[in-house]
Structures are given as structure tokens and as C-alpha cells.
């Protein structure tokens, strides 16, 4: 199982545990050979901030606006190797 697939699976489980009764759609997408994202979508229910708190740990780093480079975090990479993840995590209510 790839890091992206594992992250998608674990995000889905974490969201179901944190927000029982709320339906989430979690979609993995490969952007290119080095970048991927996991989109998390749901109908009105939990706040964007609450969902971000659950899923943020699955991002493998952060985009640095000053240098215009994605900064990978060693801690996030280690977490991603165990629990999965993606370059970007996108959350949005629909």
C-alpha cells in the first residue's frame, strides 16, 4: 500500500472516530512524481478548523511562500511512513 493510500484510509478512520454520523469523502490524487494531495469533503457539520485539526498531521510538510519551495518535515515523513500522508491536505465543506 502506498503512503497516499494508507493516509487516505487512516484519515477516513480518524474522521469517523472524531465525528461519528458525519459523512466524509476522502479522495487521494497524484499531482506528479513528487506531489500528491488528499481532498477531504463533507456536508455541513463539523467546522473547517475542527476537521483541519484531525487531518493536518497527514501533511508531509508545508509550502514556504518566501522561498516558494515545499519544506518537508522529517517528523512528518516519519509519521507518513507509518500512518500515510500526502504533500497537501485539502479540506472543504460542500
N, C-alpha and C. Protein backbone atom coordinates (compact mmCIF):
# COMPACT_ATOMS: atom_id res chain seq x y z
N UNK A 1 0.85 -1.17 0.00
CA UNK A 1 0.00 0.00 0.00
C UNK A 1 0.90 1.24 0.00
N UNK A 2 0.57 2.22 -0.82
CA UNK A 2 1.37 3.43 -0.90
C UNK A 2 1.09 4.34 0.30
N UNK A 3 1.98 5.29 0.50
CA UNK A 3 1.79 6.28 1.58
C UNK A 3 0.48 7.04 1.36
N UNK A 4 0.16 7.35 0.12
CA UNK A 4 -1.06 8.08 -0.21
C UNK A 4 -2.30 7.24 0.12
N UNK A 5 -2.29 5.98 -0.27
CA UNK A 5 -3.43 5.09 0.03
C UNK A 5 -3.59 4.88 1.53
N UNK A 6 -2.48 4.68 2.22
CA UNK A 6 -2.53 4.49 3.66
C UNK A 6 -3.05 5.74 4.37
N UNK A 7 -2.58 6.90 3.93
CA UNK A 7 -3.05 8.16 4.51
C UNK A 7 -4.54 8.35 4.31
N UNK A 8 -5.01 8.04 3.11
CA UNK A 8 -6.44 8.16 2.81
C UNK A 8 -7.26 7.27 3.73
N UNK A 9 -6.81 6.05 3.88
CA UNK A 9 -7.51 5.09 4.75
C UNK A 9 -7.52 5.57 6.20
N UNK A 10 -6.38 6.02 6.71
CA UNK A 10 -6.29 6.44 8.10
C UNK A 10 -7.02 7.75 8.37
N UNK A 11 -7.01 8.68 7.41
CA UNK A 11 -7.79 9.91 7.57
C UNK A 11 -9.27 9.57 7.68
N UNK A 12 -9.73 8.69 6.83
CA UNK A 12 -11.14 8.28 6.87
C UNK A 12 -11.49 7.70 8.24
N UNK A 13 -10.65 6.83 8.76
CA UNK A 13 -10.89 6.23 10.08
C UNK A 13 -10.86 7.28 11.18
N UNK A 14 -9.89 8.18 11.15
CA UNK A 14 -9.79 9.22 12.17
C UNK A 14 -11.01 10.14 12.16
N UNK A 15 -11.49 10.49 10.97
CA UNK A 15 -12.66 11.36 10.87
C UNK A 15 -13.93 10.67 11.37
N UNK A 16 -14.09 9.40 11.05
CA UNK A 16 -15.26 8.66 11.53
C UNK A 16 -15.26 8.57 13.05
N UNK A 17 -14.07 8.42 13.62
CA UNK A 17 -13.93 8.34 15.07
C UNK A 17 -14.20 9.71 15.72
N UNK A 18 -13.68 10.77 15.12
CA UNK A 18 -13.82 12.11 15.68
C UNK A 18 -15.21 12.70 15.48
N UNK A 19 -15.86 12.34 14.37
CA UNK A 19 -17.16 12.93 14.02
C UNK A 19 -18.14 11.84 13.59
N UNK A 20 -18.56 10.99 14.52
CA UNK A 20 -19.49 9.92 14.15
C UNK A 20 -20.78 10.51 13.59
N UNK A 21 -21.29 9.86 12.56
CA UNK A 21 -22.54 10.31 11.96
C UNK A 21 -22.36 11.31 10.84
N UNK A 22 -21.17 11.85 10.67
CA UNK A 22 -20.91 12.79 9.57
C UNK A 22 -20.27 12.02 8.42
N UNK A 23 -20.78 12.22 7.22
CA UNK A 23 -20.23 11.54 6.05
C UNK A 23 -19.13 12.38 5.41
N UNK A 24 -17.98 11.78 5.24
CA UNK A 24 -16.84 12.44 4.61
C UNK A 24 -16.51 11.71 3.31
N UNK A 25 -16.05 12.47 2.34
CA UNK A 25 -15.48 11.91 1.13
C UNK A 25 -14.00 12.25 1.16
N UNK A 26 -13.16 11.24 1.07
CA UNK A 26 -11.71 11.43 1.14
C UNK A 26 -11.12 10.90 -0.16
N UNK A 27 -10.52 11.81 -0.94
CA UNK A 27 -10.06 11.47 -2.29
C UNK A 27 -8.56 11.70 -2.43
N UNK A 28 -7.80 10.64 -2.73
CA UNK A 28 -6.37 10.81 -2.98
C UNK A 28 -6.12 11.19 -4.44
N UNK A 29 -5.14 12.07 -4.66
CA UNK A 29 -4.81 12.48 -6.02
C UNK A 29 -3.30 12.61 -6.15
N UNK A 30 -2.74 12.05 -7.21
CA UNK A 30 -1.32 12.20 -7.51
C UNK A 30 -1.19 13.37 -8.49
N UNK A 31 -0.41 14.38 -8.10
CA UNK A 31 -0.22 15.55 -8.95
C UNK A 31 0.93 15.34 -9.93
N UNK A 32 2.03 14.81 -9.45
CA UNK A 32 3.17 14.44 -10.29
C UNK A 32 4.02 13.44 -9.51
N UNK A 33 5.22 13.18 -9.95
CA UNK A 33 6.02 12.13 -9.32
C UNK A 33 6.43 12.48 -7.88
N UNK A 34 6.36 13.76 -7.51
CA UNK A 34 6.78 14.16 -6.17
C UNK A 34 5.67 14.77 -5.32
N UNK A 35 4.53 15.07 -5.90
CA UNK A 35 3.47 15.75 -5.15
C UNK A 35 2.15 14.98 -5.23
N UNK A 36 1.45 15.00 -4.10
CA UNK A 36 0.13 14.38 -4.04
C UNK A 36 -0.72 15.18 -3.08
N UNK A 37 -2.04 14.99 -3.16
CA UNK A 37 -2.88 15.61 -2.15
C UNK A 37 -4.02 14.68 -1.82
N UNK A 38 -4.54 14.90 -0.62
CA UNK A 38 -5.73 14.19 -0.17
C UNK A 38 -6.80 15.25 0.07
N UNK A 39 -7.89 15.14 -0.68
CA UNK A 39 -9.01 16.05 -0.52
C UNK A 39 -10.02 15.46 0.45
N UNK A 40 -10.46 16.28 1.40
CA UNK A 40 -11.44 15.86 2.40
C UNK A 40 -12.65 16.78 2.26
N UNK A 41 -13.81 16.20 1.96
CA UNK A 41 -15.02 16.97 1.71
C UNK A 41 -16.14 16.43 2.57
N UNK A 42 -17.03 17.32 3.03
CA UNK A 42 -18.16 16.88 3.84
C UNK A 42 -19.27 17.91 3.76
N UNK A 43 -20.47 17.42 4.06
CA UNK A 43 -21.64 18.30 4.14
C UNK A 43 -21.54 19.06 5.45
N UNK A 44 -22.24 20.17 5.58
CA UNK A 44 -22.16 20.93 6.83
C UNK A 44 -22.30 20.03 8.06
N UNK A 45 -21.46 20.29 8.99
CA UNK A 45 -21.38 19.52 10.23
C UNK A 45 -20.26 20.11 11.05
N UNK A 46 -19.15 19.39 11.20
CA UNK A 46 -18.03 19.93 11.96
C UNK A 46 -17.41 21.13 11.24
N UNK A 47 -16.79 22.01 12.01
CA UNK A 47 -16.16 23.19 11.43
C UNK A 47 -14.90 22.81 10.65
N UNK A 48 -14.52 23.69 9.76
CA UNK A 48 -13.28 23.50 9.00
C UNK A 48 -12.09 23.39 9.95
N UNK A 49 -12.07 24.22 10.96
CA UNK A 49 -10.98 24.21 11.94
C UNK A 49 -10.90 22.87 12.67
N UNK A 50 -12.06 22.32 13.04
CA UNK A 50 -12.09 21.03 13.75
C UNK A 50 -11.58 19.89 12.86
N UNK A 51 -11.98 19.90 11.59
CA UNK A 51 -11.53 18.86 10.66
C UNK A 51 -10.04 19.03 10.38
N UNK A 52 -9.59 20.26 10.17
CA UNK A 52 -8.16 20.50 9.93
C UNK A 52 -7.31 19.98 11.09
N UNK A 53 -7.81 20.13 12.30
CA UNK A 53 -7.07 19.66 13.48
C UNK A 53 -6.84 18.15 13.42
N UNK A 54 -7.82 17.42 12.90
CA UNK A 54 -7.72 15.96 12.80
C UNK A 54 -6.78 15.54 11.68
N UNK A 55 -6.83 16.23 10.55
CA UNK A 55 -6.12 15.75 9.36
C UNK A 55 -4.77 16.41 9.10
N UNK A 56 -4.46 17.50 9.76
CA UNK A 56 -3.23 18.25 9.47
C UNK A 56 -1.97 17.41 9.63
N UNK A 57 -1.99 16.47 10.55
CA UNK A 57 -0.80 15.65 10.82
C UNK A 57 -0.42 14.77 9.62
N UNK A 58 -1.31 14.64 8.64
CA UNK A 58 -1.04 13.81 7.47
C UNK A 58 -0.31 14.56 6.35
N UNK A 59 -0.12 15.89 6.53
CA UNK A 59 0.66 16.66 5.55
C UNK A 59 2.14 16.39 5.79
N UNK A 60 2.89 16.14 4.75
CA UNK A 60 4.29 15.76 4.87
C UNK A 60 5.23 16.96 5.03
N UNK A 61 4.68 18.16 5.07
CA UNK A 61 5.45 19.37 5.23
C UNK A 61 4.56 20.57 4.99
N UNK A 62 5.17 21.71 4.67
CA UNK A 62 4.40 22.94 4.42
C UNK A 62 5.01 23.70 3.24
N UNK A 63 4.17 24.46 2.56
CA UNK A 63 4.64 25.31 1.47
C UNK A 63 5.21 26.58 2.08
N UNK A 64 6.42 26.95 1.67
CA UNK A 64 7.08 28.15 2.15
C UNK A 64 6.89 29.25 1.10
N UNK A 65 6.05 30.25 1.41
CA UNK A 65 5.77 31.32 0.45
C UNK A 65 6.99 32.19 0.14
N UNK A 66 7.88 32.34 1.10
CA UNK A 66 9.05 33.19 0.89
C UNK A 66 10.02 32.58 -0.11
N UNK A 67 10.29 31.29 0.03
CA UNK A 67 11.25 30.64 -0.85
C UNK A 67 10.57 29.94 -2.02
N UNK A 68 9.25 29.84 -1.98
CA UNK A 68 8.46 29.15 -2.98
C UNK A 68 8.92 27.71 -3.17
N UNK A 69 9.17 27.06 -2.03
CA UNK A 69 9.61 25.67 -2.00
C UNK A 69 8.79 24.95 -0.94
N UNK A 70 8.49 23.69 -1.21
CA UNK A 70 7.80 22.87 -0.22
C UNK A 70 8.84 22.35 0.76
N UNK A 71 8.65 22.65 2.03
CA UNK A 71 9.57 22.21 3.08
C UNK A 71 9.05 20.92 3.71
N UNK A 72 9.72 19.82 3.42
CA UNK A 72 9.34 18.55 4.02
C UNK A 72 9.86 18.51 5.46
N UNK A 73 9.04 17.98 6.34
CA UNK A 73 9.40 17.86 7.75
C UNK A 73 9.85 16.43 8.04
N UNK A 74 11.03 16.25 8.64
CA UNK A 74 11.48 14.89 8.97
C UNK A 74 10.49 14.15 9.87
N UNK A 75 9.90 14.87 10.82
CA UNK A 75 8.91 14.25 11.70
C UNK A 75 7.67 13.82 10.92
N UNK A 76 7.24 14.68 9.99
CA UNK A 76 6.05 14.35 9.19
C UNK A 76 6.34 13.19 8.24
N UNK A 77 7.55 13.12 7.71
CA UNK A 77 7.92 12.00 6.84
C UNK A 77 7.90 10.70 7.65
N UNK A 78 8.44 10.73 8.86
CA UNK A 78 8.43 9.53 9.72
C UNK A 78 6.99 9.12 10.03
N UNK A 79 6.13 10.09 10.34
CA UNK A 79 4.72 9.80 10.59
C UNK A 79 4.08 9.23 9.33
N UNK A 80 4.39 9.82 8.17
CA UNK A 80 3.84 9.36 6.90
C UNK A 80 4.25 7.95 6.55
N UNK A 81 5.47 7.58 6.91
CA UNK A 81 5.93 6.21 6.65
C UNK A 81 5.12 5.20 7.46
N UNK A 82 4.66 5.62 8.63
CA UNK A 82 3.89 4.72 9.49
C UNK A 82 2.38 4.79 9.24
N UNK A 83 1.84 6.00 9.10
CA UNK A 83 0.39 6.18 9.02
C UNK A 83 -0.09 6.70 7.66
N UNK A 84 0.84 7.05 6.78
CA UNK A 84 0.46 7.55 5.47
C UNK A 84 0.37 9.07 5.46
N UNK A 85 0.20 9.63 4.28
CA UNK A 85 0.08 11.08 4.16
C UNK A 85 0.21 11.52 2.72
N UNK A 86 0.25 12.84 2.55
CA UNK A 86 0.35 13.44 1.22
C UNK A 86 1.07 14.78 1.34
N UNK A 87 1.50 15.30 0.22
CA UNK A 87 2.16 16.59 0.20
C UNK A 87 1.21 17.67 0.71
N UNK A 88 -0.02 17.64 0.24
CA UNK A 88 -1.02 18.63 0.64
C UNK A 88 -2.28 17.92 1.13
N UNK A 89 -2.94 18.52 2.10
CA UNK A 89 -4.24 18.06 2.57
C UNK A 89 -5.22 19.21 2.34
N UNK A 90 -6.26 18.96 1.58
CA UNK A 90 -7.25 19.98 1.23
C UNK A 90 -8.56 19.63 1.94
N UNK A 91 -9.13 20.58 2.68
CA UNK A 91 -10.39 20.34 3.36
C UNK A 91 -11.42 21.39 2.93
N UNK A 92 -12.67 20.92 2.71
CA UNK A 92 -13.71 21.84 2.24
C UNK A 92 -15.09 21.24 2.50
N UNK A 93 -15.97 22.08 3.01
CA UNK A 93 -17.37 21.64 3.13
C UNK A 93 -18.03 21.80 1.76
N UNK A 94 -19.00 20.92 1.47
CA UNK A 94 -19.70 21.01 0.18
C UNK A 94 -21.18 21.21 0.38
